[in-house]
PDB file of N, CA and C in Angstrom:
ATOM      1  N   MET A   1      -6.099   6.144  18.058  1.00  0.00           N
ATOM      2  CA  MET A   1      -5.036   6.634  18.890  1.00  0.00           C
ATOM      3  C   MET A   1      -4.280   5.469  19.548  1.00  0.00           C
ATOM      4  N   LEU A   2      -5.026   4.462  19.980  1.00  0.00           N
ATOM      5  CA  LEU A   2      -4.368   3.336  20.649  1.00  0.00           C
ATOM      6  C   LEU A   2      -3.449   2.595  19.691  1.00  0.00           C
ATOM      7  N   LEU A   3      -3.885   2.459  18.445  1.00  0.00           N
ATOM      8  CA  LEU A   3      -3.057   1.788  17.454  1.00  0.00           C
ATOM      9  C   LEU A   3      -1.790   2.594  17.175  1.00  0.00           C
ATOM     10  N   PHE A   4      -1.911   3.920  17.130  1.00  0.00           N
ATOM     11  CA  PHE A   4      -0.756   4.777  16.876  1.00  0.00           C
ATOM     12  C   PHE A   4       0.312   4.580  17.943  1.00  0.00           C
ATOM     13  N   PHE A   5      -0.080   4.583  19.213  1.00  0.00           N
ATOM     14  CA  PHE A   5       0.895   4.425  20.287  1.00  0.00           C
ATOM     15  C   PHE A   5       1.453   3.011  20.346  1.00  0.00           C
ATOM     16  N   SER A   6       0.628   2.004  20.018  1.00  0.00           N
ATOM     17  CA  SER A   6       1.129   0.637  20.079  1.00  0.00           C
ATOM     18  C   SER A   6       2.189   0.377  19.014  1.00  0.00           C
ATOM     19  N   ILE A   7       2.199   1.152  17.945  1.00  0.00           N
ATOM     20  CA  ILE A   7       3.240   1.015  16.919  1.00  0.00           C
ATOM     21  C   ILE A   7       4.616   1.251  17.540  1.00  0.00           C
ATOM     22  N   PHE A   8       4.724   2.219  18.458  1.00  0.00           N
ATOM     23  CA  PHE A   8       5.997   2.483  19.123  1.00  0.00           C
ATOM     24  C   PHE A   8       6.456   1.281  19.947  1.00  0.00           C
ATOM     25  N   GLY A   9       5.517   0.601  20.574  1.00  0.00           N
ATOM     26  CA  GLY A   9       5.862  -0.589  21.327  1.00  0.00           C
ATOM     27  C   GLY A   9       6.414  -1.691  20.435  1.00  0.00           C
ATOM     28  N   PHE A  10       5.808  -1.873  19.267  1.00  0.00           N
ATOM     29  CA  PHE A  10       6.292  -2.893  18.338  1.00  0.00           C
ATOM     30  C   PHE A  10       7.651  -2.512  17.742  1.00  0.00           C
ATOM     31  N   ILE A  11       7.898  -1.226  17.575  1.00  0.00           N
ATOM     32  CA  ILE A  11       9.228  -0.783  17.132  1.00  0.00           C
ATOM     33  C   ILE A  11      10.272  -1.157  18.189  1.00  0.00           C
ATOM     34  N   GLY A  12       9.943  -0.948  19.459  1.00  0.00           N
ATOM     35  CA  GLY A  12      10.854  -1.331  20.538  1.00  0.00           C
ATOM     36  C   GLY A  12      11.145  -2.823  20.549  1.00  0.00           C
ATOM     37  N   VAL A  13      10.108  -3.634  20.319  1.00  0.00           N
ATOM     38  CA  VAL A  13      10.305  -5.091  20.261  1.00  0.00           C
ATOM     39  C   VAL A  13      11.210  -5.448  19.087  1.00  0.00           C
ATOM     40  N   ALA A  14      10.980  -4.808  17.936  1.00  0.00           N
ATOM     41  CA  ALA A  14      11.796  -5.098  16.755  1.00  0.00           C
ATOM     42  C   ALA A  14      13.255  -4.718  16.983  1.00  0.00           C
ATOM     43  N   VAL A  15      13.504  -3.605  17.665  1.00  0.00           N
ATOM     44  CA  VAL A  15      14.880  -3.184  17.949  1.00  0.00           C
ATOM     45  C   VAL A  15      15.555  -4.187  18.878  1.00  0.00           C
ATOM     46  N   LEU A  16      14.835  -4.655  19.895  1.00  0.00           N
ATOM     47  CA  LEU A  16      15.414  -5.659  20.797  1.00  0.00           C
ATOM     48  C   LEU A  16      15.748  -6.951  20.054  1.00  0.00           C
ATOM     49  N   ILE A  17      14.842  -7.383  19.193  1.00  0.00           N
ATOM     50  CA  ILE A  17      15.100  -8.604  18.423  1.00  0.00           C
ATOM     51  C   ILE A  17      16.304  -8.413  17.514  1.00  0.00           C
ATOM     52  N   PHE A  18      16.397  -7.258  16.868  1.00  0.00           N
ATOM     53  CA  PHE A  18      17.534  -6.990  15.988  1.00  0.00           C
ATOM     54  C   PHE A  18      18.842  -6.968  16.764  1.00  0.00           C
ATOM     55  N   LEU A  19      18.855  -6.279  17.917  1.00  0.00           N
ATOM     56  CA  LEU A  19      20.100  -6.127  18.673  1.00  0.00           C
ATOM     57  C   LEU A  19      20.594  -7.454  19.245  1.00  0.00           C
ATOM     58  N   TRP A  20      19.712  -8.220  19.839  1.00  0.00           N
ATOM     59  CA  TRP A  20      20.140  -9.417  20.548  1.00  0.00           C
ATOM     60  C   TRP A  20      20.003 -10.693  19.722  1.00  0.00           C
ATOM     61  N   GLY A  21      19.291 -10.645  18.622  1.00  0.00           N
ATOM     62  CA  GLY A  21      19.090 -11.836  17.819  1.00  0.00           C
ATOM     63  C   GLY A  21      20.072 -11.999  16.681  1.00  0.00           C
ATOM     64  N   SER A  22      20.945 -11.034  16.498  1.00  0.00           N
ATOM     65  CA  SER A  22      21.858 -11.096  15.360  1.00  0.00           C
ATOM     66  C   SER A  22      23.067 -11.990  15.625  1.00  0.00           C
ATOM     67  N   GLY A  23      23.256 -12.453  16.830  1.00  0.00           N
ATOM     68  CA  GLY A  23      24.384 -13.328  17.152  1.00  0.00           C
ATOM     69  C   GLY A  23      25.679 -12.545  17.310  1.00  0.00           C
ATOM     70  N   ASP A  24      26.787 -13.261  17.302  1.00  0.00           N
ATOM     71  CA  ASP A  24      28.096 -12.633  17.480  1.00  0.00           C
ATOM     72  C   ASP A  24      28.901 -12.629  16.189  1.00  0.00           C
ATOM     73  N   GLY A  25      28.249 -12.780  15.095  1.00  0.00           N
ATOM     74  CA  GLY A  25      28.961 -12.845  13.828  1.00  0.00           C
ATOM     75  C   GLY A  25      29.298 -11.478  13.266  1.00  0.00           C
ATOM     76  N   PHE A  26      29.631 -11.477  11.989  1.00  0.00           N
ATOM     77  CA  PHE A  26      29.990 -10.242  11.291  1.00  0.00           C
ATOM     78  C   PHE A  26      28.775  -9.329  11.208  1.00  0.00           C
ATOM     79  N   GLY A  27      28.945  -8.072  11.511  1.00  0.00           N
ATOM     80  CA  GLY A  27      27.864  -7.099  11.455  1.00  0.00           C
ATOM     81  C   GLY A  27      27.059  -6.993  12.731  1.00  0.00           C
ATOM     82  N   SER A  28      27.417  -7.744  13.736  1.00  0.00           N
ATOM     83  CA  SER A  28      26.716  -7.684  15.012  1.00  0.00           C
ATOM     84  C   SER A  28      27.174  -6.439  15.770  1.00  0.00           C
ATOM     85  N   PRO A  29      26.251  -5.699  16.386  1.00  0.00           N
ATOM     86  CA  PRO A  29      26.659  -4.509  17.143  1.00  0.00           C
ATOM     87  C   PRO A  29      27.454  -4.892  18.392  1.00  0.00           C
ATOM     88  N   PRO A  30      28.372  -4.037  18.816  1.00  0.00           N
ATOM     89  CA  PRO A  30      29.127  -4.301  20.054  1.00  0.00           C
ATOM     90  C   PRO A  30      28.200  -4.325  21.272  1.00  0.00           C
ATOM     91  N   LEU A  31      28.676  -4.903  22.358  1.00  0.00           N
ATOM     92  CA  LEU A  31      27.875  -5.058  23.574  1.00  0.00           C
ATOM     93  C   LEU A  31      27.373  -3.719  24.098  1.00  0.00           C
ATOM     94  N   PHE A  32      28.211  -2.681  24.059  1.00  0.00           N
ATOM     95  CA  PHE A  32      27.795  -1.359  24.532  1.00  0.00           C
ATOM     96  C   PHE A  32      26.564  -0.881  23.778  1.00  0.00           C
ATOM     97  N   PHE A  33      26.550  -1.044  22.459  1.00  0.00           N
ATOM     98  CA  PHE A  33      25.415  -0.595  21.650  1.00  0.00           C
ATOM     99  C   PHE A  33      24.181  -1.461  21.897  1.00  0.00           C
ATOM    100  N   LYS A  34      24.392  -2.746  22.189  1.00  0.00           N
ATOM    101  CA  LYS A  34      23.263  -3.614  22.504  1.00  0.00           C
ATOM    102  C   LYS A  34      22.575  -3.165  23.792  1.00  0.00           C
ATOM    103  N   VAL A  35      23.384  -2.874  24.813  1.00  0.00           N
ATOM    104  CA  VAL A  35      22.816  -2.458  26.099  1.00  0.00           C
ATOM    105  C   VAL A  35      22.166  -1.086  25.981  1.00  0.00           C
ATOM    106  N   PHE A  36      22.860  -0.138  25.351  1.00  0.00           N
ATOM    107  CA  PHE A  36      22.323   1.206  25.190  1.00  0.00           C
ATOM    108  C   PHE A  36      21.044   1.188  24.351  1.00  0.00           C
ATOM    109  N   GLY A  37      21.058   0.429  23.264  1.00  0.00           N
ATOM    110  CA  GLY A  37      19.872   0.309  22.416  1.00  0.00           C
ATOM    111  C   GLY A  37      18.719  -0.385  23.117  1.00  0.00           C
ATOM    112  N   SER A  38      19.046  -1.299  24.023  1.00  0.00           N
ATOM    113  CA  SER A  38      17.993  -1.996  24.764  1.00  0.00           C
ATOM    114  C   SER A  38      17.247  -1.041  25.682  1.00  0.00           C
ATOM    115  N   PHE A  39      17.978  -0.118  26.323  1.00  0.00           N
ATOM    116  CA  PHE A  39      17.309   0.866  27.172  1.00  0.00           C
ATOM    117  C   PHE A  39      16.398   1.773  26.355  1.00  0.00           C
ATOM    118  N   ILE A  40      16.835   2.162  25.187  1.00  0.00           N
ATOM    119  CA  ILE A  40      15.988   2.984  24.314  1.00  0.00           C
ATOM    120  C   ILE A  40      14.764   2.192  23.871  1.00  0.00           C
ATOM    121  N   ALA A  41      14.969   0.927  23.516  1.00  0.00           N
ATOM    122  CA  ALA A  41      13.847   0.083  23.089  1.00  0.00           C
ATOM    123  C   ALA A  41      12.850  -0.125  24.230  1.00  0.00           C
ATOM    124  N   LEU A  42      13.346  -0.273  25.462  1.00  0.00           N
ATOM    125  CA  LEU A  42      12.449  -0.423  26.605  1.00  0.00           C
ATOM    126  C   LEU A  42      11.611   0.833  26.823  1.00  0.00           C
ATOM    127  N   GLY A  43      12.202   2.005  26.584  1.00  0.00           N
ATOM    128  CA  GLY A  43      11.433   3.247  26.667  1.00  0.00           C
ATOM    129  C   GLY A  43      10.328   3.298  25.628  1.00  0.00           C
ATOM    130  N   PHE A  44      10.647   2.861  24.413  1.00  0.00           N
ATOM    131  CA  PHE A  44       9.637   2.810  23.363  1.00  0.00           C
ATOM    132  C   PHE A  44       8.522   1.835  23.739  1.00  0.00           C
ATOM    133  N   MET A  45       8.906   0.702  24.296  1.00  0.00           N
ATOM    134  CA  MET A  45       7.906  -0.297  24.659  1.00  0.00           C
ATOM    135  C   MET A  45       7.036   0.182  25.825  1.00  0.00           C
ATOM    136  N   ALA A  46       7.638   0.872  26.777  1.00  0.00           N
ATOM    137  CA  ALA A  46       6.864   1.385  27.910  1.00  0.00           C
ATOM    138  C   ALA A  46       5.830   2.395  27.446  1.00  0.00           C
ATOM    139  N   MET A  47       6.231   3.292  26.545  1.00  0.00           N
ATOM    140  CA  MET A  47       5.280   4.273  26.030  1.00  0.00           C
ATOM    141  C   MET A  47       4.293   3.604  25.078  1.00  0.00           C
ATOM    142  N   GLY A  48       4.800   2.749  24.202  1.00  0.00           N
ATOM    143  CA  GLY A  48       3.962   2.161  23.168  1.00  0.00           C
ATOM    144  C   GLY A  48       2.915   1.208  23.689  1.00  0.00           C
ATOM    145  N   PHE A  49       3.216   0.496  24.753  1.00  0.00           N
ATOM    146  CA  PHE A  49       2.235  -0.429  25.314  1.00  0.00           C
ATOM    147  C   PHE A  49       1.590   0.134  26.576  1.00  0.00           C
ATOM    148  N   GLY A  50       2.254   1.059  27.260  1.00  0.00           N
ATOM    149  CA  GLY A  50       1.707   1.613  28.501  1.00  0.00           C
ATOM    150  C   GLY A  50       0.566   2.582  28.278  1.00  0.00           C
ATOM    151  N   VAL A  51       0.675   3.443  27.274  1.00  0.00           N
ATOM    152  CA  VAL A  51      -0.375   4.429  27.007  1.00  0.00           C
ATOM    153  C   VAL A  51      -1.684   3.745  26.600  1.00  0.00           C
ATOM    154  N   PRO A  52      -1.662   2.799  25.648  1.00  0.00           N
ATOM    155  CA  PRO A  52      -2.936   2.142  25.316  1.00  0.00           C
ATOM    156  C   PRO A  52      -3.526   1.338  26.472  1.00  0.00           C
ATOM    157  N   LEU A  53      -2.683   0.660  27.243  1.00  0.00           N
ATOM    158  CA  LEU A  53      -3.207  -0.116  28.366  1.00  0.00           C
ATOM    159  C   LEU A  53      -3.823   0.776  29.437  1.00  0.00           C
ATOM    160  N   SER A  54      -3.187   1.916  29.713  1.00  0.00           N
ATOM    161  CA  SER A  54      -3.761   2.827  30.709  1.00  0.00           C
ATOM    162  C   SER A  54      -5.035   3.488  30.188  1.00  0.00           C
ATOM    163  N   ALA A  55      -5.114   3.747  28.882  1.00  0.00           N
ATOM    164  CA  ALA A  55      -6.337   4.313  28.314  1.00  0.00           C
ATOM    165  C   ALA A  55      -7.482   3.310  28.373  1.00  0.00           C
ATOM    166  N   ILE A  56      -7.181   2.050  28.105  1.00  0.00           N
ATOM    167  CA  ILE A  56      -8.212   1.021  28.196  1.00  0.00           C
ATOM    168  C   ILE A  56      -8.683   0.860  29.640  1.00  0.00           C
ATOM    169  N   LYS A  57      -7.735   0.891  30.580  1.00  0.00           N
ATOM    170  CA  LYS A  57      -8.084   0.775  31.994  1.00  0.00           C
ATOM    171  C   LYS A  57      -8.943   1.957  32.432  1.00  0.00           C
ATOM    172  N   LYS A  58      -8.583   3.155  31.989  1.00  0.00           N
ATOM    173  CA  LYS A  58      -9.342   4.353  32.357  1.00  0.00           C
ATOM    174  C   LYS A  58     -10.755   4.308  31.785  1.00  0.00           C
ATOM    175  N   SER A  59     -10.896   3.839  30.539  1.00  0.00           N
ATOM    176  CA  SER A  59     -12.230   3.772  29.943  1.00  0.00           C
ATOM    177  C   SER A  59     -13.098   2.737  30.657  1.00  0.00           C
ATOM    178  N   LYS A  60     -12.497   1.641  31.119  1.00  0.00           N
ATOM    179  CA  LYS A  60     -13.263   0.655  31.872  1.00  0.00           C
ATOM    180  C   LYS A  60     -13.708   1.214  33.219  1.00  0.00           C
ATOM    181  N   GLU A  61     -12.846   2.019  33.858  1.00  0.00           N
ATOM    182  CA  GLU A  61     -13.217   2.631  35.128  1.00  0.00           C
ATOM    183  C   GLU A  61     -14.350   3.629  34.938  1.00  0.00           C
ATOM    184  N   LEU A  62     -14.294   4.412  33.855  1.00  0.00           N
ATOM    185  CA  LEU A  62     -15.364   5.369  33.588  1.00  0.00           C
ATOM    186  C   LEU A  62     -16.667   4.653  33.268  1.00  0.00           C
ATOM    187  N   ALA A  63     -16.588   3.556  32.525  1.00  0.00           N
ATOM    188  CA  ALA A  63     -17.792   2.796  32.203  1.00  0.00           C
ATOM    189  C   ALA A  63     -18.396   2.181  33.465  1.00  0.00           C
ATOM    190  N   ALA A  64     -17.550   1.756  34.395  1.00  0.00           N
ATOM    191  CA  ALA A  64     -18.053   1.184  35.639  1.00  0.00           C
ATOM    192  C   ALA A  64     -18.736   2.241  36.506  1.00  0.00           C
ATOM    193  N   LYS A  65     -18.258   3.481  36.431  1.00  0.00           N
ATOM    194  CA  LYS A  65     -18.859   4.570  37.199  1.00  0.00           C
ATOM    195  C   LYS A  65     -20.120   5.111  36.539  1.00  0.00           C
ATOM    196  N   GLY A  66     -20.339   4.781  35.286  1.00  0.00           N
ATOM    197  CA  GLY A  66     -21.507   5.306  34.588  1.00  0.00           C
ATOM    198  C   GLY A  66     -21.178   6.518  33.746  1.00  0.00           C
ATOM    199  N   GLY A  67     -19.942   6.703  33.371  1.00  0.00           N
ATOM    200  CA  GLY A  67     -19.556   7.824  32.524  1.00  0.00           C
ATOM    201  C   GLY A  67     -18.949   8.945  33.326  1.00  0.00           C
ATOM    202  N   ALA A  68     -18.376   9.879  32.607  1.00  0.00           N
ATOM    203  CA  ALA A  68     -17.739  11.021  33.252  1.00  0.00           C
ATOM    204  C   ALA A  68     -18.792  12.016  33.718  1.00  0.00           C
ATOM    205  N   THR A  69     -18.562  12.576  34.860  1.00  0.00           N
ATOM    206  CA  THR A  69     -19.454  13.600  35.374  1.00  0.00           C
ATOM    207  C   THR A  69     -18.676  14.884  35.555  1.00  0.00           C
ATOM    208  N   SER A  70     -19.378  15.960  35.523  1.00  0.00           N
ATOM    209  CA  SER A  70     -18.735  17.260  35.671  1.00  0.00           C
ATOM    210  C   SER A  70     -18.377  17.484  37.134  1.00  0.00           C
ATOM    211  N   PRO A  71     -17.143  17.936  37.431  1.00  0.00           N
ATOM    212  CA  PRO A  71     -16.773  18.166  38.821  1.00  0.00           C
ATOM    213  C   PRO A  71     -17.415  19.421  39.402  1.00  0.00           C
ATOM    214  N   VAL A  72     -18.040  20.247  38.564  1.00  0.00           N
ATOM    215  CA  VAL A  72     -18.637  21.495  39.006  1.00  0.00           C
ATOM    216  C   VAL A  72     -20.147  21.379  38.904  1.00  0.00           C
ATOM    217  N   ASP A  73     -20.849  21.823  39.922  1.00  0.00           N
ATOM    218  CA  ASP A  73     -22.308  21.804  39.903  1.00  0.00           C
ATOM    219  C   ASP A  73     -22.814  23.049  39.175  1.00  0.00           C
ATOM    220  N   PRO A  74     -23.370  22.888  37.955  1.00  0.00           N
ATOM    221  CA  PRO A  74     -23.822  24.069  37.230  1.00  0.00           C
ATOM    222  C   PRO A  74     -25.104  24.664  37.783  1.00  0.00           C
ATOM    223  N   GLY A  75     -25.771  23.971  38.721  1.00  0.00           N
ATOM    224  CA  GLY A  75     -27.033  24.480  39.253  1.00  0.00           C
ATOM    225  C   GLY A  75     -26.874  25.745  40.059  1.00  0.00           C
ATOM    226  N   SER A  76     -25.686  26.020  40.541  1.00  0.00           N
ATOM    227  CA  SER A  76     -25.477  27.203  41.362  1.00  0.00           C
ATOM    228  C   SER A  76     -25.031  28.408  40.548  1.00  0.00           C
ATOM    229  N   TYR A  77     -25.045  28.310  39.225  1.00  0.00           N
ATOM    230  CA  TYR A  77     -24.584  29.398  38.369  1.00  0.00           C
ATOM    231  C   TYR A  77     -25.721  29.927  37.505  1.00  0.00           C
ATOM    232  N   GLY A  78     -25.639  31.202  37.219  1.00  0.00           N
ATOM    233  CA  GLY A  78     -26.574  31.831  36.300  1.00  0.00           C
ATOM    234  C   GLY A  78     -25.803  32.415  35.130  1.00  0.00           C
ATOM    235  N   CYS A  79     -26.427  32.453  33.979  1.00  0.00           N
ATOM    236  CA  CYS A  79     -25.772  32.984  32.776  1.00  0.00           C
ATOM    237  C   CYS A  79     -25.473  34.464  32.966  1.00  0.00           C
ATOM    238  N   PRO A  80     -24.240  34.895  32.711  1.00  0.00           N
ATOM    239  CA  PRO A  80     -23.925  36.316  32.877  1.00  0.00           C
ATOM    240  C   PRO A  80     -24.556  37.180  31.789  1.00  0.00           C
ATOM    241  N   ASN A  81     -25.003  36.581  30.692  1.00  0.00           N
ATOM    242  CA  ASN A  81     -25.590  37.348  29.594  1.00  0.00           C
ATOM    243  C   ASN A  81     -27.081  37.592  29.806  1.00  0.00           C
ATOM    244  N   CYS A  82     -27.836  36.523  30.151  1.00  0.00           N
ATOM    245  CA  CYS A  82     -29.285  36.674  30.285  1.00  0.00           C
ATOM    246  C   CYS A  82     -29.784  36.395  31.700  1.00  0.00           C
ATOM    247  N   GLY A  83     -28.943  35.838  32.557  1.00  0.00           N
ATOM    248  CA  GLY A  83     -29.337  35.544  33.929  1.00  0.00           C
ATOM    249  C   GLY A  83     -30.112  34.255  34.076  1.00  0.00           C
ATOM    250  N   GLY A  84     -30.185  33.446  33.031  1.00  0.00           N
ATOM    251  CA  GLY A  84     -30.945  32.202  33.068  1.00  0.00           C
ATOM    252  C   GLY A  84     -30.273  31.150  33.925  1.00  0.00           C
ATOM    253  N   ASN A  85     -31.078  30.234  34.442  1.00  0.00           N
ATOM    254  CA  ASN A  85     -30.579  29.133  35.261  1.00  0.00           C
ATOM    255  C   ASN A  85     -29.961  28.083  34.341  1.00  0.00           C
ATOM    256  N   VAL A  86     -28.748  27.662  34.630  1.00  0.00           N
ATOM    257  CA  VAL A  86     -28.042  26.718  33.764  1.00  0.00           C
ATOM    258  C   VAL A  86     -27.933  25.350  34.434  1.00  0.00           C
ATOM    259  N   LYS A  87     -28.936  24.990  35.215  1.00  0.00           N
ATOM    260  CA  LYS A  87     -28.893  23.730  35.951  1.00  0.00           C
ATOM    261  C   LYS A  87     -28.831  22.519  35.032  1.00  0.00           C
ATOM    262  N   ASP A  88     -29.524  22.515  33.929  1.00  0.00           N
ATOM    263  CA  ASP A  88     -29.568  21.357  33.035  1.00  0.00           C
ATOM    264  C   ASP A  88     -28.530  21.425  31.920  1.00  0.00           C
ATOM    265  N   ALA A  89     -27.684  22.424  31.916  1.00  0.00           N
ATOM    266  CA  ALA A  89     -26.676  22.563  30.854  1.00  0.00           C
ATOM    267  C   ALA A  89     -25.487  21.659  31.131  1.00  0.00           C
ATOM    268  N   GLU A  90     -24.839  21.189  30.072  1.00  0.00           N
ATOM    269  CA  GLU A  90     -23.653  20.358  30.208  1.00  0.00           C
ATOM    270  C   GLU A  90     -22.422  21.244  30.316  1.00  0.00           C
ATOM    271  N   VAL A  91     -21.526  20.895  31.235  1.00  0.00           N
ATOM    272  CA  VAL A  91     -20.308  21.651  31.463  1.00  0.00           C
ATOM    273  C   VAL A  91     -19.131  20.798  31.004  1.00  0.00           C
ATOM    274  N   SER A  92     -18.243  21.404  30.207  1.00  0.00           N
ATOM    275  CA  SER A  92     -17.058  20.673  29.765  1.00  0.00           C
ATOM    276  C   SER A  92     -16.072  20.553  30.923  1.00  0.00           C
ATOM    277  N   PRO A  93     -15.093  19.647  30.823  1.00  0.00           N
ATOM    278  CA  PRO A  93     -14.106  19.528  31.900  1.00  0.00           C
ATOM    279  C   PRO A  93     -13.325  20.818  32.154  1.00  0.00           C
ATOM    280  N   SER A  94     -13.174  21.651  31.125  1.00  0.00           N
ATOM    281  CA  SER A  94     -12.447  22.911  31.321  1.00  0.00           C
ATOM    282  C   SER A  94     -13.348  24.012  31.872  1.00  0.00           C
ATOM    283  N   GLY A  95     -14.663  23.746  32.008  1.00  0.00           N
ATOM    284  CA  GLY A  95     -15.574  24.718  32.590  1.00  0.00           C
ATOM    285  C   GLY A  95     -16.369  25.522  31.582  1.00  0.00           C
ATOM    286  N   ASP A  96     -16.256  25.213  30.296  1.00  0.00           N
ATOM    287  CA  ASP A  96     -17.029  25.931  29.281  1.00  0.00           C
ATOM    288  C   ASP A  96     -18.473  25.451  29.309  1.00  0.00           C
ATOM    289  N   LEU A  97     -19.381  26.402  29.118  1.00  0.00           N
ATOM    290  CA  LEU A  97     -20.795  26.102  29.211  1.00  0.00           C
ATOM    291  C   LEU A  97     -21.547  26.949  28.194  1.00  0.00           C
ATOM    292  N   LYS A  98     -22.580  26.360  27.581  1.00  0.00           N
ATOM    293  CA  LYS A  98     -23.430  27.094  26.646  1.00  0.00           C
ATOM    294  C   LYS A  98     -24.796  27.272  27.290  1.00  0.00           C
ATOM    295  N   CYS A  99     -25.228  28.511  27.382  1.00  0.00           N
ATOM    296  CA  CYS A  99     -26.504  28.806  28.003  1.00  0.00           C
ATOM    297  C   CYS A  99     -27.630  28.227  27.135  1.00  0.00           C
ATOM    298  N   PRO A 100     -28.546  27.463  27.733  1.00  0.00           N
ATOM    299  CA  PRO A 100     -29.631  26.889  26.939  1.00  0.00           C
ATOM    300  C   PRO A 100     -30.674  27.914  26.502  1.00  0.00           C
ATOM    301  N   TYR A 101     -30.648  29.132  27.063  1.00  0.00           N
ATOM    302  CA  TYR A 101     -31.647  30.142  26.733  1.00  0.00           C
ATOM    303  C   TYR A 101     -31.162  31.115  25.663  1.00  0.00           C
ATOM    304  N   CYS A 102     -29.974  31.698  25.865  1.00  0.00           N
ATOM    305  CA  CYS A 102     -29.488  32.709  24.914  1.00  0.00           C
ATOM    306  C   CYS A 102     -28.373  32.184  24.007  1.00  0.00           C
ATOM    307  N   ASN A 103     -27.961  30.916  24.198  1.00  0.00           N
ATOM    308  CA  ASN A 103     -26.929  30.262  23.381  1.00  0.00           C
ATOM    309  C   ASN A 103     -25.571  30.956  23.416  1.00  0.00           C
ATOM    310  N   SER A 104     -25.274  31.678  24.476  1.00  0.00           N
ATOM    311  CA  SER A 104     -23.953  32.305  24.600  1.00  0.00           C
ATOM    312  C   SER A 104     -23.028  31.373  25.384  1.00  0.00           C
ATOM    313  N   TRP A 105     -21.748  31.420  25.036  1.00  0.00           N
ATOM    314  CA  TRP A 105     -20.743  30.578  25.695  1.00  0.00           C
ATOM    315  C   TRP A 105     -20.048  31.380  26.781  1.00  0.00           C
ATOM    316  N   TRP A 106     -19.729  30.748  27.891  1.00  0.00           N
ATOM    317  CA  TRP A 106     -18.959  31.357  28.965  1.00  0.00           C
ATOM    318  C   TRP A 106     -18.297  30.275  29.777  1.00  0.00           C
ATOM    319  N   ASN A 107     -17.393  30.669  30.654  1.00  0.00           N
ATOM    320  CA  ASN A 107     -16.626  29.720  31.459  1.00  0.00           C
ATOM    321  C   ASN A 107     -16.951  29.965  32.916  1.00  0.00           C
ATOM    322  N   ILE A 108     -17.342  28.911  33.614  1.00  0.00           N
ATOM    323  CA  ILE A 108     -17.754  29.065  35.017  1.00  0.00           C
ATOM    324  C   ILE A 108     -16.572  29.302  35.943  1.00  0.00           C
ATOM    325  N   HIS A 109     -15.340  28.957  35.490  1.00  0.00           N
ATOM    326  CA  HIS A 109     -14.161  29.163  36.316  1.00  0.00           C
ATOM    327  C   HIS A 109     -13.679  30.606  36.276  1.00  0.00           C
ATOM    328  N   LYS A 110     -14.087  31.369  35.285  1.00  0.00           N
ATOM    329  CA  LYS A 110     -13.647  32.763  35.158  1.00  0.00           C
ATOM    330  C   LYS A 110     -14.597  33.727  35.834  1.00  0.00           C
ATOM    331  N   GLY A 111     -15.501  33.213  36.603  1.00  0.00           N
ATOM    332  CA  GLY A 111     -16.437  34.070  37.338  1.00  0.00           C
ATOM    333  C   GLY A 111     -17.742  34.232  36.587  1.00  0.00           C
ATOM    334  N   SER A 112     -18.758  34.641  37.325  1.00  0.00           N
ATOM    335  CA  SER A 112     -20.067  34.797  36.687  1.00  0.00           C
ATOM    336  C   SER A 112     -20.490  36.238  36.619  1.00  0.00           C
TER     337      SER A 112
END
């Protein structure tokens, strides 16, 4: 994924080099197109290099914390199907949970 987004950043760099590196000779784009194209290229570069850098920064922060933890405490919930305690079950970020006893799926945010 990081490589995919960084391709957009390199496209932006290539557009800037093309626009401003062609000189003032025959076939050179007018100044208006150079400026307008530069803003578009900067947008590509911001997305293309910003997304991978922020993803790398986020992964380093998660690694420093010891990994992602669930914001919801599953110990206070019981399975609506069998009534089993789901204290040791893993909860997804969206709240989906699989009961370790009856193997049924449910969402803790939709009520128990």
